[in-house]
Amino acid sequence: MQQNRVVAREPAPLDPATDAAKVRAMYTDPDFMWRGIGRMVLGLCEYAARATGFTRTEMMTTMAGEPLYRVCGYLPVEWIESAPIDGVRVPFWRTEKAI
């Protein structure tokens, strides 16, 4: 039996002069989609990033979230697939936006 592995992620400090602020793990409950909640949360993330000196943001987007992020100005930079989990790979776009 294969065991699930959890990898702790301790991100290195980001430098606003050279790095993009990272938006991570943003999800909207399907019962509340298309009501502006995701756009509002994303706007707050961008506001906080600008307030601390960042000039761009970056995030990994799933295919389900890609339409929202594209409308909000995020452009695809790189196509990535996850490592296989039970033989399944999840596709992602690494996206970026100037803020």
PDB file of N, CA and C in Angstrom:
ATOM      1  N   MET A   1       0.840  -1.184   0.000  1.00  0.00           N
ATOM      2  CA  MET A   1       0.000   0.000   0.000  1.00  0.00           C
ATOM      3  C   MET A   1       0.882   1.243   0.000  1.00  0.00           C
ATOM      4  N   GLN A   2       0.592   2.171  -0.915  1.00  0.00           N
ATOM      5  CA  GLN A   2       1.367   3.400  -1.013  1.00  0.00           C
ATOM      6  C   GLN A   2       0.864   4.413   0.004  1.00  0.00           C
ATOM      7  N   GLN A   3       1.796   5.057   0.694  1.00  0.00           N
ATOM      8  CA  GLN A   3       1.412   6.068   1.677  1.00  0.00           C
ATOM      9  C   GLN A   3       1.460   7.440   1.030  1.00  0.00           C
ATOM     10  N   ASN A   4       0.556   8.326   1.469  1.00  0.00           N
ATOM     11  CA  ASN A   4       0.578   9.703   1.003  1.00  0.00           C
ATOM     12  C   ASN A   4       1.716  10.427   1.691  1.00  0.00           C
ATOM     13  N   ARG A   5       2.390  11.278   0.946  1.00  0.00           N
ATOM     14  CA  ARG A   5       3.464  12.068   1.518  1.00  0.00           C
ATOM     15  C   ARG A   5       3.011  13.512   1.608  1.00  0.00           C
ATOM     16  N   VAL A   6       3.359  14.161   2.692  1.00  0.00           N
ATOM     17  CA  VAL A   6       3.094  15.583   2.852  1.00  0.00           C
ATOM     18  C   VAL A   6       4.442  16.267   2.937  1.00  0.00           C
ATOM     19  N   VAL A   7       4.654  17.244   2.072  1.00  0.00           N
ATOM     20  CA  VAL A   7       5.919  17.969   2.054  1.00  0.00           C
ATOM     21  C   VAL A   7       5.670  19.348   2.657  1.00  0.00           C
ATOM     22  N   ALA A   8       6.379  19.642   3.743  1.00  0.00           N
ATOM     23  CA  ALA A   8       6.260  20.961   4.353  1.00  0.00           C
ATOM     24  C   ALA A   8       6.942  21.976   3.445  1.00  0.00           C
ATOM     25  N   ARG A   9       6.334  23.127   3.293  1.00  0.00           N
ATOM     26  CA  ARG A   9       6.872  24.155   2.411  1.00  0.00           C
ATOM     27  C   ARG A   9       7.211  25.375   3.252  1.00  0.00           C
ATOM     28  N   GLU A  10       8.490  25.674   3.353  1.00  0.00           N
ATOM     29  CA  GLU A  10       8.959  26.849   4.067  1.00  0.00           C
ATOM     30  C   GLU A  10       9.521  27.799   3.021  1.00  0.00           C
ATOM     31  N   PRO A  11       8.694  28.687   2.493  1.00  0.00           N
ATOM     32  CA  PRO A  11       9.166  29.543   1.413  1.00  0.00           C
ATOM     33  C   PRO A  11      10.241  30.521   1.887  1.00  0.00           C
ATOM     34  N   ALA A  12      11.198  30.753   1.011  1.00  0.00           N
ATOM     35  CA  ALA A  12      12.219  31.751   1.287  1.00  0.00           C
ATOM     36  C   ALA A  12      11.578  33.132   1.201  1.00  0.00           C
ATOM     37  N   PRO A  13      12.090  34.089   1.953  1.00  0.00           N
ATOM     38  CA  PRO A  13      11.543  35.453   1.856  1.00  0.00           C
ATOM     39  C   PRO A  13      11.644  35.969   0.419  1.00  0.00           C
ATOM     40  N   LEU A  14      10.633  36.693  -0.013  1.00  0.00           N
ATOM     41  CA  LEU A  14      10.614  37.249  -1.363  1.00  0.00           C
ATOM     42  C   LEU A  14      11.110  38.685  -1.333  1.00  0.00           C
ATOM     43  N   ASP A  15      11.777  39.092  -2.388  1.00  0.00           N
ATOM     44  CA  ASP A  15      12.272  40.453  -2.528  1.00  0.00           C
ATOM     45  C   ASP A  15      11.376  41.171  -3.527  1.00  0.00           C
ATOM     46  N   PRO A  16      10.610  42.176  -3.099  1.00  0.00           N
ATOM     47  CA  PRO A  16       9.711  42.886  -4.018  1.00  0.00           C
ATOM     48  C   PRO A  16      10.415  43.504  -5.220  1.00  0.00           C
ATOM     49  N   ALA A  17      11.710  43.765  -5.096  1.00  0.00           N
ATOM     50  CA  ALA A  17      12.448  44.366  -6.208  1.00  0.00           C
ATOM     51  C   ALA A  17      12.703  43.375  -7.339  1.00  0.00           C
ATOM     52  N   THR A  18      12.735  42.091  -7.021  1.00  0.00           N
ATOM     53  CA  THR A  18      13.060  41.096  -8.052  1.00  0.00           C
ATOM     54  C   THR A  18      12.053  39.962  -8.181  1.00  0.00           C
ATOM     55  N   ASP A  19      11.278  39.705  -7.139  1.00  0.00           N
ATOM     56  CA  ASP A  19      10.349  38.566  -7.132  1.00  0.00           C
ATOM     57  C   ASP A  19       8.909  39.009  -7.340  1.00  0.00           C
ATOM     58  N   ALA A  20       8.085  38.072  -7.766  1.00  0.00           N
ATOM     59  CA  ALA A  20       6.643  38.284  -7.822  1.00  0.00           C
ATOM     60  C   ALA A  20       6.042  37.837  -6.491  1.00  0.00           C
ATOM     61  N   ALA A  21       5.022  38.545  -6.031  1.00  0.00           N
ATOM     62  CA  ALA A  21       4.268  38.086  -4.864  1.00  0.00           C
ATOM     63  C   ALA A  21       3.524  36.825  -5.287  1.00  0.00           C
ATOM     64  N   LYS A  22       3.411  35.864  -4.394  1.00  0.00           N
ATOM     65  CA  LYS A  22       2.765  34.591  -4.714  1.00  0.00           C
ATOM     66  C   LYS A  22       1.349  34.560  -4.153  1.00  0.00           C
ATOM     67  N   VAL A  23       0.391  34.266  -5.011  1.00  0.00           N
ATOM     68  CA  VAL A  23      -0.987  34.032  -4.575  1.00  0.00           C
ATOM     69  C   VAL A  23      -1.145  32.523  -4.535  1.00  0.00           C
ATOM     70  N   ARG A  24      -1.541  31.985  -3.379  1.00  0.00           N
ATOM     71  CA  ARG A  24      -1.602  30.531  -3.223  1.00  0.00           C
ATOM     72  C   ARG A  24      -2.951  30.066  -2.697  1.00  0.00           C
ATOM     73  N   ALA A  25      -3.365  28.917  -3.170  1.00  0.00           N
ATOM     74  CA  ALA A  25      -4.512  28.179  -2.632  1.00  0.00           C
ATOM     75  C   ALA A  25      -5.755  29.033  -2.468  1.00  0.00           C
ATOM     76  N   MET A  26      -6.206  29.625  -3.552  1.00  0.00           N
ATOM     77  CA  MET A  26      -7.438  30.409  -3.522  1.00  0.00           C
ATOM     78  C   MET A  26      -8.540  29.565  -4.161  1.00  0.00           C
ATOM     79  N   TYR A  27      -9.571  29.287  -3.398  1.00  0.00           N
ATOM     80  CA  TYR A  27     -10.687  28.481  -3.893  1.00  0.00           C
ATOM     81  C   TYR A  27     -12.002  29.126  -3.480  1.00  0.00           C
ATOM     82  N   THR A  28     -13.024  28.938  -4.305  1.00  0.00           N
ATOM     83  CA  THR A  28     -14.370  29.403  -3.981  1.00  0.00           C
ATOM     84  C   THR A  28     -15.279  28.177  -3.927  1.00  0.00           C
ATOM     85  N   ASP A  29     -16.078  28.090  -2.897  1.00  0.00           N
ATOM     86  CA  ASP A  29     -17.052  27.012  -2.794  1.00  0.00           C
ATOM     87  C   ASP A  29     -17.916  27.030  -4.059  1.00  0.00           C
ATOM     88  N   PRO A  30     -18.104  25.889  -4.721  1.00  0.00           N
ATOM     89  CA  PRO A  30     -18.891  25.868  -5.961  1.00  0.00           C
ATOM     90  C   PRO A  30     -20.288  26.469  -5.813  1.00  0.00           C
ATOM     91  N   ASP A  31     -20.875  26.399  -4.627  1.00  0.00           N
ATOM     92  CA  ASP A  31     -22.205  26.994  -4.429  1.00  0.00           C
ATOM     93  C   ASP A  31     -22.174  28.517  -4.484  1.00  0.00           C
ATOM     94  N   PHE A  32     -20.986  29.119  -4.421  1.00  0.00           N
ATOM     95  CA  PHE A  32     -20.878  30.577  -4.387  1.00  0.00           C
ATOM     96  C   PHE A  32     -20.059  31.135  -5.549  1.00  0.00           C
ATOM     97  N   MET A  33     -19.837  30.293  -6.570  1.00  0.00           N
ATOM     98  CA  MET A  33     -19.069  30.754  -7.731  1.00  0.00           C
ATOM     99  C   MET A  33     -19.861  31.770  -8.534  1.00  0.00           C
ATOM    100  N   TRP A  34     -19.126  32.610  -9.253  1.00  0.00           N
ATOM    101  CA  TRP A  34     -19.662  33.618 -10.168  1.00  0.00           C
ATOM    102  C   TRP A  34     -20.497  34.672  -9.446  1.00  0.00           C
ATOM    103  N   ARG A  35     -20.103  34.989  -8.210  1.00  0.00           N
ATOM    104  CA  ARG A  35     -20.757  36.052  -7.438  1.00  0.00           C
ATOM    105  C   ARG A  35     -19.780  37.165  -7.084  1.00  0.00           C
ATOM    106  N   GLY A  36     -18.564  37.109  -7.620  1.00  0.00           N
ATOM    107  CA  GLY A  36     -17.581  38.154  -7.372  1.00  0.00           C
ATOM    108  C   GLY A  36     -16.669  37.903  -6.188  1.00  0.00           C
ATOM    109  N   ILE A  37     -16.850  36.770  -5.501  1.00  0.00           N
ATOM    110  CA  ILE A  37     -16.042  36.484  -4.308  1.00  0.00           C
ATOM    111  C   ILE A  37     -14.578  36.261  -4.686  1.00  0.00           C
ATOM    112  N   GLY A  38     -14.323  35.442  -5.690  1.00  0.00           N
ATOM    113  CA  GLY A  38     -12.952  35.177  -6.116  1.00  0.00           C
ATOM    114  C   GLY A  38     -12.254  36.438  -6.577  1.00  0.00           C
ATOM    115  N   ARG A  39     -12.955  37.253  -7.344  1.00  0.00           N
ATOM    116  CA  ARG A  39     -12.387  38.517  -7.833  1.00  0.00           C
ATOM    117  C   ARG A  39     -12.065  39.445  -6.661  1.00  0.00           C
ATOM    118  N   MET A  40     -12.954  39.467  -5.655  1.00  0.00           N
ATOM    119  CA  MET A  40     -12.717  40.313  -4.489  1.00  0.00           C
ATOM    120  C   MET A  40     -11.490  39.835  -3.703  1.00  0.00           C
ATOM    121  N   VAL A  41     -11.385  38.541  -3.455  1.00  0.00           N
ATOM    122  CA  VAL A  41     -10.245  37.996  -2.718  1.00  0.00           C
ATOM    123  C   VAL A  41      -8.948  38.259  -3.492  1.00  0.00           C
ATOM    124  N   LEU A  42      -8.981  38.051  -4.793  1.00  0.00           N
ATOM    125  CA  LEU A  42      -7.804  38.289  -5.617  1.00  0.00           C
ATOM    126  C   LEU A  42      -7.410  39.767  -5.579  1.00  0.00           C
ATOM    127  N   GLY A  43      -8.384  40.640  -5.635  1.00  0.00           N
ATOM    128  CA  GLY A  43      -8.118  42.078  -5.542  1.00  0.00           C
ATOM    129  C   GLY A  43      -7.465  42.448  -4.219  1.00  0.00           C
ATOM    130  N   LEU A  44      -7.906  41.824  -3.133  1.00  0.00           N
ATOM    131  CA  LEU A  44      -7.296  42.083  -1.821  1.00  0.00           C
ATOM    132  C   LEU A  44      -5.853  41.573  -1.779  1.00  0.00           C
ATOM    133  N   CYS A  45      -5.598  40.428  -2.399  1.00  0.00           N
ATOM    134  CA  CYS A  45      -4.227  39.906  -2.469  1.00  0.00           C
ATOM    135  C   CYS A  45      -3.336  40.866  -3.242  1.00  0.00           C
ATOM    136  N   GLU A  46      -3.827  41.360  -4.366  1.00  0.00           N
ATOM    137  CA  GLU A  46      -3.044  42.292  -5.182  1.00  0.00           C
ATOM    138  C   GLU A  46      -2.801  43.605  -4.435  1.00  0.00           C
ATOM    139  N   TYR A  47      -3.810  44.084  -3.735  1.00  0.00           N
ATOM    140  CA  TYR A  47      -3.669  45.317  -2.942  1.00  0.00           C
ATOM    141  C   TYR A  47      -2.582  45.142  -1.879  1.00  0.00           C
ATOM    142  N   ALA A  48      -2.609  44.016  -1.172  1.00  0.00           N
ATOM    143  CA  ALA A  48      -1.608  43.751  -0.131  1.00  0.00           C
ATOM    144  C   ALA A  48      -0.214  43.643  -0.741  1.00  0.00           C
ATOM    145  N   ALA A  49      -0.113  43.017  -1.916  1.00  0.00           N
ATOM    146  CA  ALA A  49       1.191  42.892  -2.577  1.00  0.00           C
ATOM    147  C   ALA A  49       1.727  44.266  -2.973  1.00  0.00           C
ATOM    148  N   ARG A  50       0.880  45.104  -3.572  1.00  0.00           N
ATOM    149  CA  ARG A  50       1.303  46.466  -3.945  1.00  0.00           C
ATOM    150  C   ARG A  50       1.718  47.271  -2.720  1.00  0.00           C
ATOM    151  N   ALA A  51       0.959  47.129  -1.641  1.00  0.00           N
ATOM    152  CA  ALA A  51       1.233  47.886  -0.421  1.00  0.00           C
ATOM    153  C   ALA A  51       2.581  47.529   0.198  1.00  0.00           C
ATOM    154  N   THR A  52       3.102  46.344  -0.123  1.00  0.00           N
ATOM    155  CA  THR A  52       4.398  45.943   0.423  1.00  0.00           C
ATOM    156  C   THR A  52       5.510  46.043  -0.621  1.00  0.00           C
ATOM    157  N   GLY A  53       5.222  46.715  -1.740  1.00  0.00           N
ATOM    158  CA  GLY A  53       6.267  47.022  -2.708  1.00  0.00           C
ATOM    159  C   GLY A  53       6.394  46.115  -3.912  1.00  0.00           C
ATOM    160  N   PHE A  54       5.545  45.112  -4.044  1.00  0.00           N
ATOM    161  CA  PHE A  54       5.626  44.224  -5.206  1.00  0.00           C
ATOM    162  C   PHE A  54       5.025  44.911  -6.434  1.00  0.00           C
ATOM    163  N   THR A  55       5.562  44.569  -7.600  1.00  0.00           N
ATOM    164  CA  THR A  55       5.044  45.129  -8.851  1.00  0.00           C
ATOM    165  C   THR A  55       4.392  44.073  -9.738  1.00  0.00           C
ATOM    166  N   ARG A  56       4.461  42.815  -9.285  1.00  0.00           N
ATOM    167  CA  ARG A  56       3.787  41.750 -10.032  1.00  0.00           C
ATOM    168  C   ARG A  56       3.411  40.608  -9.090  1.00  0.00           C
ATOM    169  N   THR A  57       2.430  39.847  -9.523  1.00  0.00           N
ATOM    170  CA  THR A  57       1.976  38.673  -8.773  1.00  0.00           C
ATOM    171  C   THR A  57       2.077  37.453  -9.686  1.00  0.00           C
ATOM    172  N   GLU A  58       2.100  36.298  -9.044  1.00  0.00           N
ATOM    173  CA  GLU A  58       2.222  35.038  -9.762  1.00  0.00           C
ATOM    174  C   GLU A  58       1.367  33.996  -9.049  1.00  0.00           C
ATOM    175  N   MET A  59       0.793  33.087  -9.818  1.00  0.00           N
ATOM    176  CA  MET A  59       0.061  31.974  -9.216  1.00  0.00           C
ATOM    177  C   MET A  59      -0.016  30.805 -10.179  1.00  0.00           C
ATOM    178  N   MET A  60      -0.234  29.636  -9.601  1.00  0.00           N
ATOM    179  CA  MET A  60      -0.503  28.439 -10.380  1.00  0.00           C
ATOM    180  C   MET A  60      -2.026  28.348 -10.513  1.00  0.00           C
ATOM    181  N   THR A  61      -2.504  28.161 -11.732  1.00  0.00           N
ATOM    182  CA  THR A  61      -3.947  28.086 -11.934  1.00  0.00           C
ATOM    183  C   THR A  61      -4.341  26.728 -12.484  1.00  0.00           C
ATOM    184  N   THR A  62      -5.453  26.236 -11.984  1.00  0.00           N
ATOM    185  CA  THR A  62      -6.026  25.013 -12.537  1.00  0.00           C
ATOM    186  C   THR A  62      -6.868  25.396 -13.746  1.00  0.00           C
ATOM    187  N   MET A  63      -7.267  24.430 -14.515  1.00  0.00           N
ATOM    188  CA  MET A  63      -8.109  24.712 -15.671  1.00  0.00           C
ATOM    189  C   MET A  63      -9.450  25.314 -15.246  1.00  0.00           C
ATOM    190  N   ALA A  64      -9.960  24.905 -14.082  1.00  0.00           N
ATOM    191  CA  ALA A  64     -11.244  25.431 -13.614  1.00  0.00           C
ATOM    192  C   ALA A  64     -11.151  26.920 -13.270  1.00  0.00           C
ATOM    193  N   GLY A  65     -10.025  27.358 -12.722  1.00  0.00           N
ATOM    194  CA  GLY A  65      -9.874  28.748 -12.315  1.00  0.00           C
ATOM    195  C   GLY A  65      -9.350  29.660 -13.412  1.00  0.00           C
ATOM    196  N   GLU A  66      -8.816  29.086 -14.475  1.00  0.00           N
ATOM    197  CA  GLU A  66      -8.163  29.879 -15.516  1.00  0.00           C
ATOM    198  C   GLU A  66      -9.041  30.972 -16.114  1.00  0.00           C
ATOM    199  N   PRO A  67     -10.332  30.752 -16.391  1.00  0.00           N
ATOM    200  CA  PRO A  67     -11.146  31.844 -16.957  1.00  0.00           C
ATOM    201  C   PRO A  67     -11.211  33.076 -16.047  1.00  0.00           C
ATOM    202  N   LEU A  68     -11.368  32.878 -14.748  1.00  0.00           N
ATOM    203  CA  LEU A  68     -11.409  34.011 -13.818  1.00  0.00           C
ATOM    204  C   LEU A  68     -10.088  34.761 -13.837  1.00  0.00           C
ATOM    205  N   TYR A  69      -8.993  34.031 -13.723  1.00  0.00           N
ATOM    206  CA  TYR A  69      -7.693  34.687 -13.637  1.00  0.00           C
ATOM    207  C   TYR A  69      -7.343  35.414 -14.931  1.00  0.00           C
ATOM    208  N   ARG A  70      -7.727  34.845 -16.061  1.00  0.00           N
ATOM    209  CA  ARG A  70      -7.457  35.516 -17.340  1.00  0.00           C
ATOM    210  C   ARG A  70      -8.242  36.829 -17.408  1.00  0.00           C
ATOM    211  N   VAL A  71      -9.514  36.806 -17.012  1.00  0.00           N
ATOM    212  CA  VAL A  71     -10.329  38.029 -17.007  1.00  0.00           C
ATOM    213  C   VAL A  71      -9.728  39.073 -16.060  1.00  0.00           C
ATOM    214  N   CYS A  72      -9.087  38.616 -14.999  1.00  0.00           N
ATOM    215  CA  CYS A  72      -8.467  39.525 -14.022  1.00  0.00           C
ATOM    216  C   CYS A  72      -7.065  39.957 -14.438  1.00  0.00           C
ATOM    217  N   GLY A  73      -6.612  39.563 -15.619  1.00  0.00           N
ATOM    218  CA  GLY A  73      -5.347  40.045 -16.151  1.00  0.00           C
ATOM    219  C   GLY A  73      -4.161  39.125 -16.000  1.00  0.00           C
ATOM    220  N   TYR A  74      -4.352  37.914 -15.508  1.00  0.00           N
ATOM    221  CA  TYR A  74      -3.246  36.964 -15.369  1.00  0.00           C
ATOM    222  C   TYR A  74      -2.992  36.283 -16.707  1.00  0.00           C
ATOM    223  N   LEU A  75      -1.722  36.278 -17.109  1.00  0.00           N
ATOM    224  CA  LEU A  75      -1.352  35.691 -18.386  1.00  0.00           C
ATOM    225  C   LEU A  75      -0.526  34.430 -18.169  1.00  0.00           C
ATOM    226  N   PRO A  76      -0.769  33.384 -18.970  1.00  0.00           N
ATOM    227  CA  PRO A  76      -0.003  32.152 -18.821  1.00  0.00           C
ATOM    228  C   PRO A  76       1.463  32.371 -19.185  1.00  0.00           C
ATOM    229  N   VAL A  77       2.341  31.813 -18.360  1.00  0.00           N
ATOM    230  CA  VAL A  77       3.779  31.916 -18.570  1.00  0.00           C
ATOM    231  C   VAL A  77       4.370  30.538 -18.855  1.00  0.00           C
ATOM    232  N   GLU A  78       3.856  29.525 -18.157  1.00  0.00           N
ATOM    233  CA  GLU A  78       4.453  28.191 -18.266  1.00  0.00           C
ATOM    234  C   GLU A  78       3.404  27.127 -17.975  1.00  0.00           C
ATOM    235  N   TRP A  79       3.372  26.079 -18.792  1.00  0.00           N
ATOM    236  CA  TRP A  79       2.482  24.928 -18.605  1.00  0.00           C
ATOM    237  C   TRP A  79       3.213  23.900 -17.756  1.00  0.00           C
ATOM    238  N   ILE A  80       2.582  23.443 -16.677  1.00  0.00           N
ATOM    239  CA  ILE A  80       3.209  22.496 -15.751  1.00  0.00           C
ATOM    240  C   ILE A  80       2.207  21.394 -15.440  1.00  0.00           C
ATOM    241  N   GLU A  81       2.696  20.169 -15.281  1.00  0.00           N
ATOM    242  CA  GLU A  81       1.869  19.076 -14.788  1.00  0.00           C
ATOM    243  C   GLU A  81       2.425  18.626 -13.452  1.00  0.00           C
ATOM    244  N   SER A  82       1.534  18.281 -12.554  1.00  0.00           N
ATOM    245  CA  SER A  82       1.961  17.792 -11.248  1.00  0.00           C
ATOM    246  C   SER A  82       2.638  16.438 -11.392  1.00  0.00           C
ATOM    247  N   ALA A  83       3.356  16.052 -10.373  1.00  0.00           N
ATOM    248  CA  ALA A  83       3.867  14.687 -10.312  1.00  0.00           C
ATOM    249  C   ALA A  83       2.656  13.761 -10.255  1.00  0.00           C
ATOM    250  N   PRO A  84       2.755  12.570 -10.812  1.00  0.00           N
ATOM    251  CA  PRO A  84       1.588  11.680 -10.814  1.00  0.00           C
ATOM    252  C   PRO A  84       1.192  11.230  -9.414  1.00  0.00           C
ATOM    253  N   ILE A  85      -0.107  11.256  -9.173  1.00  0.00           N
ATOM    254  CA  ILE A  85      -0.690  10.725  -7.940  1.00  0.00           C
ATOM    255  C   ILE A  85      -1.650   9.635  -8.382  1.00  0.00           C
ATOM    256  N   ASP A  86      -1.344   8.413  -8.021  1.00  0.00           N
ATOM    257  CA  ASP A  86      -2.113   7.262  -8.496  1.00  0.00           C
ATOM    258  C   ASP A  86      -2.232   7.273 -10.021  1.00  0.00           C
ATOM    259  N   GLY A  87      -1.143   7.675 -10.690  1.00  0.00           N
ATOM    260  CA  GLY A  87      -1.103   7.679 -12.141  1.00  0.00           C
ATOM    261  C   GLY A  87      -1.745   8.877 -12.810  1.00  0.00           C
ATOM    262  N   VAL A  88      -2.271   9.803 -12.043  1.00  0.00           N
ATOM    263  CA  VAL A  88      -2.955  10.967 -12.607  1.00  0.00           C
ATOM    264  C   VAL A  88      -2.092  12.206 -12.413  1.00  0.00           C
ATOM    265  N   ARG A  89      -1.919  12.969 -13.485  1.00  0.00           N
ATOM    266  CA  ARG A  89      -1.203  14.242 -13.427  1.00  0.00           C
ATOM    267  C   ARG A  89      -2.218  15.375 -13.554  1.00  0.00           C
ATOM    268  N   VAL A  90      -2.051  16.418 -12.743  1.00  0.00           N
ATOM    269  CA  VAL A  90      -2.955  17.569 -12.797  1.00  0.00           C
ATOM    270  C   VAL A  90      -2.258  18.682 -13.570  1.00  0.00           C
ATOM    271  N   PRO A  91      -2.926  19.218 -14.607  1.00  0.00           N
ATOM    272  CA  PRO A  91      -2.313  20.298 -15.378  1.00  0.00           C
ATOM    273  C   PRO A  91      -2.512  21.656 -14.703  1.00  0.00           C
ATOM    274  N   PHE A  92      -1.497  22.494 -14.776  1.00  0.00           N
ATOM    275  CA  PHE A  92      -1.534  23.851 -14.222  1.00  0.00           C
ATOM    276  C   PHE A  92      -0.911  24.824 -15.215  1.00  0.00           C
ATOM    277  N   TRP A  93      -1.330  26.067 -15.158  1.00  0.00           N
ATOM    278  CA  TRP A  93      -0.619  27.165 -15.790  1.00  0.00           C
ATOM    279  C   TRP A  93       0.032  27.967 -14.683  1.00  0.00           C
ATOM    280  N   ARG A  94       1.323  28.307 -14.848  1.00  0.00           N
ATOM    281  CA  ARG A  94       1.929  29.335 -13.988  1.00  0.00           C
ATOM    282  C   ARG A  94       1.587  30.641 -14.683  1.00  0.00           C
ATOM    283  N   THR A  95       0.929  31.533 -13.982  1.00  0.00           N
ATOM    284  CA  THR A  95       0.472  32.788 -14.562  1.00  0.00           C
ATOM    285  C   THR A  95       1.092  33.959 -13.813  1.00  0.00           C
ATOM    286  N   GLU A  96       1.089  35.111 -14.468  1.00  0.00           N
ATOM    287  CA  GLU A  96       1.696  36.297 -13.893  1.00  0.00           C
ATOM    288  C   GLU A  96       0.873  37.520 -14.265  1.00  0.00           C
ATOM    289  N   LYS A  97       0.949  38.546 -13.414  1.00  0.00           N
ATOM    290  CA  LYS A  97       0.260  39.806 -13.681  1.00  0.00           C
ATOM    291  C   LYS A  97       1.085  40.961 -13.115  1.00  0.00           C
ATOM    292  N   ALA A  98       1.233  42.017 -13.911  1.00  0.00           N
ATOM    293  CA  ALA A  98       1.828  43.248 -13.395  1.00  0.00           C
ATOM    294  C   ALA A  98       0.755  43.975 -12.582  1.00  0.00           C
ATOM    295  N   ILE A  99       1.150  44.465 -11.404  1.00  0.00           N
ATOM    296  CA  ILE A  99       0.163  45.148 -10.555  1.00  0.00           C
ATOM    297  C   ILE A  99       0.575  46.591 -10.269  1.00  0.00           C
TER     298      ILE A  99
END
